Amino acid sequence: MTRPDTLEAILADALDRLEAGARDRRHAMHLPIVATADADARVMVLRAVDREAVTLRFHTDVRAPKVAVLAADPRIGLLAYDREAKVQLRMRGTGMIATQGEEVEAAWAASSNFARRCYLAPHPPSSAHPAPLPNLPADVRETEPDPARLAAQARDQFAILKVELEEIDWFSLAHDGHRRALWRRDGRSTWLAP
């Protein structure tokens, strides 16, 4: 497979990989690592990519600690790696939480009832407890919840995390020489020494 040889092709390659990750749960870039400004990192499911806006979308519980962190400091870092292709994407951007609006409603509507049941969690994510718990109501742990219950109880906990990418550091490993480039939203994209 030929590697991209222009900065425009680097951006296209990065977005192709991220789009594939959003579409295919088995793709290497489906679960990037997302780090907030407090240096707390977690694996999140990549839900959508907007090529024109160069944004990524994730889903989250509004009670998760990252929501407050992003409200105070919206800087965010992401890392995705395709082991088979030997391509790493290190990304920086600005994160925004949205709980209302057309995009949020579309994301909620596109989610399955099994995915939506996570937002029925009786305890906020990361809250301390004296013993292990699945944080799902007992009656929905193995069954699909009623859509009316989800609308009444779970929808208020659902939000999207939208990340506007400012930089994509694309790094390709190869035995005949690595290749690295940095795409920047401000137009100062450049090749980098690997």
Protein backbone atom coordinates (compact mmCIF):
# COMPACT_ATOMS: atom_id res chain seq x y z
CA MET A 1 0.00 0.00 0.00
CA THR A 2 1.40 3.41 -0.95
CA ARG A 3 1.71 5.98 1.76
CA PRO A 4 0.33 9.49 1.26
CA ASP A 5 2.93 11.87 -0.18
CA THR A 6 1.21 15.26 0.14
CA LEU A 7 -0.10 17.10 3.19
CA GLU A 8 -3.61 17.06 1.68
CA ALA A 9 -3.37 13.29 1.27
CA ILE A 10 -2.23 12.96 4.91
CA LEU A 11 -5.40 14.71 6.14
CA ALA A 12 -7.55 12.57 3.83
CA ASP A 13 -5.86 9.39 5.07
CA ALA A 14 -6.36 10.37 8.72
CA LEU A 15 -10.04 11.18 8.15
CA ASP A 16 -10.56 7.96 6.15
CA ARG A 17 -9.16 5.94 9.06
CA LEU A 18 -11.27 7.79 11.63
CA GLU A 19 -14.42 7.42 9.52
CA ALA A 20 -13.77 3.68 9.22
CA GLY A 21 -13.36 3.57 13.00
CA ALA A 22 -16.70 5.30 13.51
CA ARG A 23 -18.46 2.90 11.12
CA ASP A 24 -16.87 -0.40 12.14
CA ARG A 25 -16.59 -1.47 15.77
CA ARG A 26 -13.82 -3.91 14.80
CA HIS A 27 -11.67 -1.22 13.20
CA ALA A 28 -8.48 -0.28 15.04
CA MET A 29 -9.54 3.37 15.37
CA HIS A 30 -13.00 2.65 16.79
CA LEU A 31 -11.77 3.13 20.37
CA PRO A 32 -9.37 6.06 20.59
CA ILE A 33 -7.90 7.24 23.89
CA VAL A 34 -9.37 10.61 24.89
CA ALA A 35 -7.58 12.79 27.46
CA THR A 36 -8.97 15.92 29.07
CA ALA A 37 -6.88 18.88 30.32
CA ASP A 38 -6.64 17.33 33.82
CA ALA A 39 -4.50 14.53 32.27
CA ASP A 40 -7.29 11.99 32.81
CA ALA A 41 -7.41 9.60 29.84
CA ARG A 42 -10.04 7.06 28.89
CA VAL A 43 -11.01 4.88 25.92
CA MET A 44 -14.15 6.14 24.19
CA VAL A 45 -16.24 4.85 21.28
CA LEU A 46 -15.85 7.04 18.20
CA ARG A 47 -19.39 7.60 16.90
CA ALA A 48 -19.04 9.97 13.94
CA VAL A 49 -16.62 12.06 11.90
CA ASP A 50 -17.49 15.26 10.05
CA ARG A 51 -14.86 15.60 7.31
CA GLU A 52 -15.76 19.14 6.30
CA ALA A 53 -15.69 20.51 9.84
CA VAL A 54 -12.88 18.12 10.91
CA THR A 55 -14.78 17.16 14.05
CA LEU A 56 -15.30 13.91 15.95
CA ARG A 57 -18.35 12.88 17.97
CA PHE A 58 -18.56 10.71 21.08
CA HIS A 59 -21.41 9.96 23.49
CA THR A 60 -21.24 10.52 27.24
CA ASP A 61 -23.24 10.70 30.44
CA VAL A 62 -23.76 14.33 31.53
CA ARG A 63 -22.83 13.32 35.09
CA ALA A 64 -19.36 12.05 34.07
CA PRO A 65 -16.43 14.02 35.58
CA LYS A 66 -15.07 14.89 32.13
CA VAL A 67 -18.13 17.09 31.52
CA ALA A 68 -17.15 19.49 34.33
CA VAL A 69 -13.48 19.34 33.32
CA LEU A 70 -14.33 20.31 29.73
CA ALA A 71 -16.55 23.16 30.94
CA ALA A 72 -13.56 24.58 32.84
CA ASP A 73 -10.93 23.85 30.17
CA PRO A 74 -12.05 22.53 26.76
CA ARG A 75 -8.59 21.36 25.61
CA ILE A 76 -8.61 17.70 24.66
CA GLY A 77 -6.08 15.20 23.30
CA LEU A 78 -6.77 11.96 21.45
CA LEU A 79 -4.67 8.98 20.39
CA ALA A 80 -5.60 6.29 17.88
CA TYR A 81 -3.37 3.55 16.51
CA ASP A 82 -3.88 1.11 13.67
CA ARG A 83 -1.50 -1.72 14.49
CA GLU A 84 -1.94 -3.52 11.18
CA ALA A 85 -1.30 -0.40 9.07
CA LYS A 86 1.26 0.92 11.59
CA VAL A 87 -0.33 4.38 11.55
CA GLN A 88 -0.66 6.48 14.69
CA LEU A 89 -2.85 9.58 14.98
CA ARG A 90 -2.14 12.00 17.82
CA MET A 91 -4.79 14.70 17.84
CA ARG A 92 -5.45 17.91 19.76
CA GLY A 93 -8.61 19.94 19.79
CA THR A 94 -11.40 21.64 21.65
CA GLY A 95 -14.15 19.61 23.30
CA MET A 96 -17.74 20.72 23.70
CA ILE A 97 -20.58 18.94 25.51
CA ALA A 98 -24.07 19.27 24.05
CA THR A 99 -27.27 17.96 25.65
CA GLN A 100 -29.82 19.52 23.30
CA GLY A 101 -30.16 20.27 19.62
CA GLU A 102 -30.63 18.53 16.32
CA GLU A 103 -27.32 16.65 16.38
CA VAL A 104 -27.93 15.37 19.92
CA GLU A 105 -31.45 14.22 19.04
CA ALA A 106 -30.17 12.48 15.89
CA ALA A 107 -27.44 10.72 17.90
CA TRP A 108 -29.99 9.58 20.49
CA ALA A 109 -32.38 8.37 17.78
CA ALA A 110 -29.61 6.40 16.05
CA SER A 111 -28.63 4.58 19.27
CA SER A 112 -30.03 1.16 20.08
CA ASN A 113 -32.09 0.62 23.23
CA PHE A 114 -29.28 -1.55 24.60
CA ALA A 115 -26.83 1.35 24.14
CA ARG A 116 -29.33 3.81 25.63
CA ARG A 117 -29.75 1.73 28.77
CA CYS A 118 -26.30 2.89 29.96
CA TYR A 119 -27.94 6.25 30.66
CA LEU A 120 -30.34 4.60 33.12
CA ALA A 121 -27.36 4.23 35.48
CA PRO A 122 -28.58 5.09 38.99
CA HIS A 123 -25.15 6.40 40.09
CA PRO A 124 -23.01 9.04 38.36
CA PRO A 125 -20.00 7.63 36.49
CA SER A 126 -16.86 7.48 38.68
CA SER A 127 -18.81 7.74 41.94
CA ALA A 128 -17.33 5.69 44.80
CA HIS A 129 -19.08 2.59 46.18
CA PRO A 130 -18.15 0.02 48.87
CA ALA A 131 -18.55 -2.96 46.52
CA PRO A 132 -18.54 -3.71 42.78
CA LEU A 133 -21.72 -2.78 40.94
CA PRO A 134 -22.83 -2.91 37.30
CA ASN A 135 -24.53 0.52 37.63
CA LEU A 136 -27.58 -0.64 35.71
CA PRO A 137 -31.03 -1.24 37.15
CA ALA A 138 -31.42 -4.99 37.78
CA ASP A 139 -34.39 -5.31 35.42
CA VAL A 140 -32.42 -4.13 32.35
CA ARG A 141 -29.10 -5.90 32.83
CA GLU A 142 -30.00 -8.65 30.38
CA THR A 143 -33.08 -7.32 28.62
CA GLU A 144 -33.85 -4.44 26.35
CA PRO A 145 -35.48 -1.59 28.26
CA ASP A 146 -38.85 -0.18 27.35
CA PRO A 147 -38.50 2.82 24.97
CA ALA A 148 -40.90 4.92 27.07
CA ARG A 149 -38.75 4.36 30.16
CA LEU A 150 -35.62 5.33 28.23
CA ALA A 151 -37.26 8.52 27.02
CA ALA A 152 -38.47 9.39 30.52
CA GLN A 153 -35.38 8.39 32.54
CA ALA A 154 -32.30 7.98 30.35
CA ARG A 155 -32.48 10.75 27.75
CA ASP A 156 -31.73 13.48 30.32
CA GLN A 157 -28.37 11.83 31.12
CA PHE A 158 -27.30 11.56 27.47
CA ALA A 159 -24.96 14.06 25.82
CA ILE A 160 -22.54 14.23 22.95
CA LEU A 161 -18.91 15.23 23.17
CA LYS A 162 -17.95 17.01 19.99
CA VAL A 163 -14.25 17.57 19.36
CA GLU A 164 -13.12 20.21 16.89
CA LEU A 165 -9.67 19.05 15.87
CA GLU A 166 -6.95 21.71 15.77
CA GLU A 167 -4.08 19.32 14.94
CA ILE A 168 -3.58 15.81 13.63
CA ASP A 169 -0.07 14.39 14.00
CA TRP A 170 0.05 11.51 11.48
CA PHE A 171 2.87 9.00 11.95
CA SER A 172 3.47 5.99 9.72
CA LEU A 173 5.99 3.32 10.73
CA ALA A 174 7.82 1.45 7.96
CA HIS A 175 11.02 -0.59 7.68
CA ASP A 176 12.18 1.60 4.77
CA GLY A 177 11.75 4.79 6.78
CA HIS A 178 9.03 6.29 8.91
CA ARG A 179 6.95 9.22 7.70
CA ARG A 180 5.35 11.93 9.80
CA ALA A 181 3.27 15.03 9.13
CA LEU A 182 1.29 17.56 11.13
CA TRP A 183 -2.03 18.91 9.86
CA ARG A 184 -3.10 22.17 11.50
CA ARG A 185 -6.50 23.84 11.20
CA ASP A 186 -4.81 27.24 10.98
CA GLY A 187 -3.13 26.24 7.69
CA ARG A 188 0.41 25.81 9.07
CA SER A 189 0.57 22.11 8.18
CA THR A 190 4.05 20.65 7.73
CA TRP A 191 6.10 17.50 7.38
CA LEU A 192 7.91 16.49 10.56
CA ALA A 193 11.01 14.43 11.17
CA PRO A 194 9.83 11.05 12.49
